[in-house]
């Protein structure tokens, strides 16, 4: 290690607070082969305490991409989009959203609300599907089944986009099997 590297390392130690200015001056003098300034007597080494090892917890930046709110929005969006997993893997569109909801609802704010909306839609969609299959024997169920398959794709996309924007969107035609504690989530208004 050459002299400039050692000086740079000392400067970094001083900037990070590991050594103070006096310790920096002493170490710099040793590296340069000189003697410490005559008017400054070296301080005796101080005793280390437990507080020296304490490092305050790092806070997430409110504006940074790793903020808690942004993370909750991303998981909420993923929760809605996971309904589409059933298009690739049978039954995944029912299992994956419920697993995400149960794993993240206590950890991230707002995920419980989105999870309730998604599970309500899953149950409602299954009921509507069974009804459409029964009505298919009367022919009217076939166009209803086509419309139901379209909204199975469209609603999760809209819900995911709105979740990423920080909005809670109740799927139209969804039956509230798992209602929220407050009417403001469902936009229920007494008329």
Protein backbone atom coordinates (compact mmCIF):
# COMPACT_ATOMS: atom_id res chain seq x y z
CA UNK A 1 0.00 0.00 0.00
CA UNK A 2 1.54 3.32 -1.02
CA UNK A 3 1.39 6.59 0.89
CA UNK A 4 -1.49 8.08 -1.11
CA UNK A 5 -3.62 4.97 -0.49
CA UNK A 6 -2.92 5.14 3.24
CA UNK A 7 -3.76 8.84 3.37
CA UNK A 8 -6.96 8.24 1.47
CA UNK A 9 -7.91 5.45 3.88
CA UNK A 10 -7.19 7.73 6.85
CA UNK A 11 -9.31 10.46 5.29
CA UNK A 12 -12.20 8.00 4.86
CA UNK A 13 -11.87 6.89 8.49
CA UNK A 14 -12.01 10.50 9.65
CA UNK A 15 -15.00 11.31 7.40
CA UNK A 16 -16.92 8.29 8.67
CA UNK A 17 -16.24 9.26 12.28
CA UNK A 18 -14.09 6.26 13.19
CA UNK A 19 -11.17 8.53 14.12
CA UNK A 20 -11.21 12.15 15.25
CA UNK A 21 -9.10 15.02 13.88
CA UNK A 22 -6.30 14.56 16.42
CA UNK A 23 -6.01 10.85 15.67
CA UNK A 24 -6.03 11.67 11.98
CA UNK A 25 -3.16 14.17 12.42
CA UNK A 26 -1.10 11.62 14.37
CA UNK A 27 -1.67 8.84 11.86
CA UNK A 28 -0.95 11.18 8.95
CA UNK A 29 2.33 12.24 10.56
CA UNK A 30 3.32 8.60 11.00
CA UNK A 31 2.52 7.79 7.39
CA UNK A 32 4.49 10.77 6.12
CA UNK A 33 7.40 9.88 8.39
CA UNK A 34 7.26 13.15 10.30
CA UNK A 35 6.55 13.98 13.88
CA UNK A 36 3.19 15.16 15.14
CA UNK A 37 2.72 18.89 15.62
CA UNK A 38 4.61 20.06 18.74
CA UNK A 39 1.79 22.06 20.28
CA UNK A 40 -0.67 19.20 20.14
CA UNK A 41 0.00 16.50 22.66
CA UNK A 42 -1.47 13.16 21.65
CA UNK A 43 -4.54 12.16 23.54
CA UNK A 44 -4.43 8.92 25.45
CA UNK A 45 -6.51 6.23 23.86
CA UNK A 46 -10.00 6.30 25.26
CA UNK A 47 -11.91 3.34 26.55
CA UNK A 48 -14.38 1.78 24.11
CA UNK A 49 -17.98 1.69 25.24
CA UNK A 50 -21.04 -0.19 24.04
CA UNK A 51 -22.29 2.95 22.35
CA UNK A 52 -19.25 2.86 20.01
CA UNK A 53 -20.60 -0.32 18.45
CA UNK A 54 -24.13 1.01 18.15
CA UNK A 55 -25.19 1.77 14.62
CA UNK A 56 -28.54 3.48 14.29
CA UNK A 57 -31.07 1.62 12.16
CA UNK A 58 -31.20 2.73 8.60
CA UNK A 59 -34.38 4.45 7.65
CA UNK A 60 -36.00 4.02 4.32
CA UNK A 61 -36.23 7.13 2.27
CA UNK A 62 -39.77 8.40 1.75
CA UNK A 63 -38.97 9.35 -1.82
CA UNK A 64 -36.74 6.38 -2.60
CA UNK A 65 -37.85 3.31 -4.51
CA UNK A 66 -37.52 1.16 -1.40
CA UNK A 67 -40.05 3.11 0.67
CA UNK A 68 -42.64 1.11 2.55
CA UNK A 69 -45.50 2.73 0.67
CA UNK A 70 -43.95 1.95 -2.71
CA UNK A 71 -43.29 -1.62 -1.64
CA UNK A 72 -46.92 -1.99 -0.54
CA UNK A 73 -48.10 -0.61 -3.87
CA UNK A 74 -45.92 -3.07 -5.77
CA UNK A 75 -47.15 -6.03 -3.75
CA UNK A 76 -50.76 -4.89 -4.16
CA UNK A 77 -50.24 -4.67 -7.92
CA UNK A 78 -48.66 -8.13 -7.93
CA UNK A 79 -51.58 -9.42 -5.87
CA UNK A 80 -54.06 -8.26 -8.53
CA UNK A 81 -51.91 -9.45 -11.44
CA UNK A 82 -51.47 -12.87 -9.79
CA UNK A 83 -55.11 -13.57 -10.67
CA UNK A 84 -53.86 -13.93 -14.24
CA UNK A 85 -51.53 -16.80 -13.23
CA UNK A 86 -54.45 -19.14 -13.77
CA UNK A 87 -54.18 -18.47 -17.49
CA UNK A 88 -50.78 -20.19 -17.48
CA UNK A 89 -51.05 -22.76 -14.68
CA UNK A 90 -54.42 -24.26 -13.71
CA UNK A 91 -55.65 -23.13 -10.26
CA UNK A 92 -52.65 -20.80 -9.77
CA UNK A 93 -54.93 -17.80 -10.26
CA UNK A 94 -56.83 -18.89 -7.15
CA UNK A 95 -53.95 -20.03 -4.93
CA UNK A 96 -51.22 -17.45 -5.60
CA UNK A 97 -53.31 -14.35 -4.71
CA UNK A 98 -54.46 -15.92 -1.45
CA UNK A 99 -50.89 -16.89 -0.52
CA UNK A 100 -49.58 -13.38 -1.28
CA UNK A 101 -52.43 -11.83 0.71
CA UNK A 102 -51.82 -14.04 3.74
CA UNK A 103 -48.05 -13.55 3.71
CA UNK A 104 -48.04 -9.77 3.27
CA UNK A 105 -51.24 -8.51 4.95
CA UNK A 106 -49.63 -7.95 8.37
CA UNK A 107 -46.31 -6.74 6.97
CA UNK A 108 -47.45 -4.05 4.55
CA UNK A 109 -50.21 -1.48 5.02
CA UNK A 110 -53.13 -1.75 2.62
CA UNK A 111 -52.44 -5.28 1.39
CA UNK A 112 -55.27 -6.64 3.53
CA UNK A 113 -57.74 -4.38 1.73
CA UNK A 114 -56.51 -5.44 -1.70
CA UNK A 115 -56.48 -9.09 -0.63
CA UNK A 116 -60.09 -8.94 0.48
CA UNK A 117 -61.09 -7.41 -2.84
CA UNK A 118 -59.23 -10.07 -4.81
CA UNK A 119 -60.61 -12.99 -2.78
CA UNK A 120 -64.13 -11.56 -3.08
CA UNK A 121 -63.64 -11.45 -6.84
CA UNK A 122 -62.33 -15.04 -6.95
CA UNK A 123 -65.37 -16.36 -5.10
CA UNK A 124 -67.77 -14.18 -7.11
CA UNK A 125 -66.18 -15.23 -10.39
CA UNK A 126 -66.48 -18.94 -9.54
CA UNK A 127 -70.16 -18.47 -8.69
CA UNK A 128 -70.78 -16.52 -11.90
CA UNK A 129 -68.93 -19.19 -13.90
CA UNK A 130 -71.08 -21.99 -12.48
CA UNK A 131 -74.20 -19.95 -13.23
CA UNK A 132 -73.04 -19.29 -16.81
CA UNK A 133 -72.33 -22.99 -17.39
CA UNK A 134 -75.83 -23.85 -16.19
CA UNK A 135 -77.32 -21.11 -18.39
CA UNK A 136 -75.29 -22.36 -21.37
CA UNK A 137 -77.88 -25.10 -21.78
CA UNK A 138 -80.41 -22.34 -22.46
CA UNK A 139 -77.95 -20.66 -24.87
CA UNK A 140 -77.89 -17.33 -23.03
CA UNK A 141 -75.04 -18.61 -20.86
CA UNK A 142 -72.62 -18.73 -23.80
CA UNK A 143 -72.37 -14.95 -24.37
CA UNK A 144 -72.36 -14.44 -20.60
CA UNK A 145 -69.49 -16.93 -20.31
CA UNK A 146 -67.53 -15.04 -22.98
CA UNK A 147 -68.12 -11.75 -21.15
CA UNK A 148 -67.08 -13.37 -17.88
CA UNK A 149 -63.81 -14.60 -19.40
CA UNK A 150 -63.09 -11.10 -20.71
CA UNK A 151 -63.62 -9.46 -17.32
CA UNK A 152 -61.47 -12.18 -15.73
CA UNK A 153 -58.57 -10.64 -17.67
CA UNK A 154 -59.57 -6.97 -17.64
CA UNK A 155 -60.51 -6.50 -13.97
CA UNK A 156 -57.17 -7.70 -12.51
CA UNK A 157 -55.27 -5.46 -14.93
CA UNK A 158 -57.32 -2.40 -13.93
CA UNK A 159 -57.04 -3.34 -10.24
CA UNK A 160 -53.26 -3.78 -10.52
CA UNK A 161 -52.76 -0.47 -12.28
CA UNK A 162 -54.89 1.37 -9.74
CA UNK A 163 -53.09 -0.40 -6.87
CA UNK A 164 -49.76 0.78 -8.26
CA UNK A 165 -51.19 4.32 -8.25
CA UNK A 166 -52.16 3.90 -4.59
CA UNK A 167 -55.89 3.45 -5.15
CA UNK A 168 -58.12 0.69 -3.85
CA UNK A 169 -60.50 -0.41 -6.59
CA UNK A 170 -63.42 -2.73 -5.91
CA UNK A 171 -64.11 -5.01 -8.84
CA UNK A 172 -67.57 -4.34 -10.30
CA UNK A 173 -70.03 -7.21 -9.78
CA UNK A 174 -67.92 -8.51 -6.89
CA UNK A 175 -69.91 -9.82 -3.94
CA UNK A 176 -68.37 -8.67 -0.60
CA UNK A 177 -67.91 -12.00 1.20
CA UNK A 178 -65.01 -10.49 3.18
CA UNK A 179 -66.13 -6.92 3.83
CA UNK A 180 -63.76 -4.30 5.13
CA UNK A 181 -64.23 -2.67 8.51
CA UNK A 182 -65.21 0.65 7.03
CA UNK A 183 -67.60 1.60 4.22
CA UNK A 184 -65.06 4.00 2.67
CA UNK A 185 -63.17 1.09 1.11
CA UNK A 186 -66.20 -0.13 -0.77
CA UNK A 187 -67.43 3.35 -1.61
CA UNK A 188 -70.75 2.49 -0.04
CA UNK A 189 -72.97 5.51 0.24
CA UNK A 190 -76.31 5.64 1.97
CA UNK A 191 -78.81 6.71 -0.63
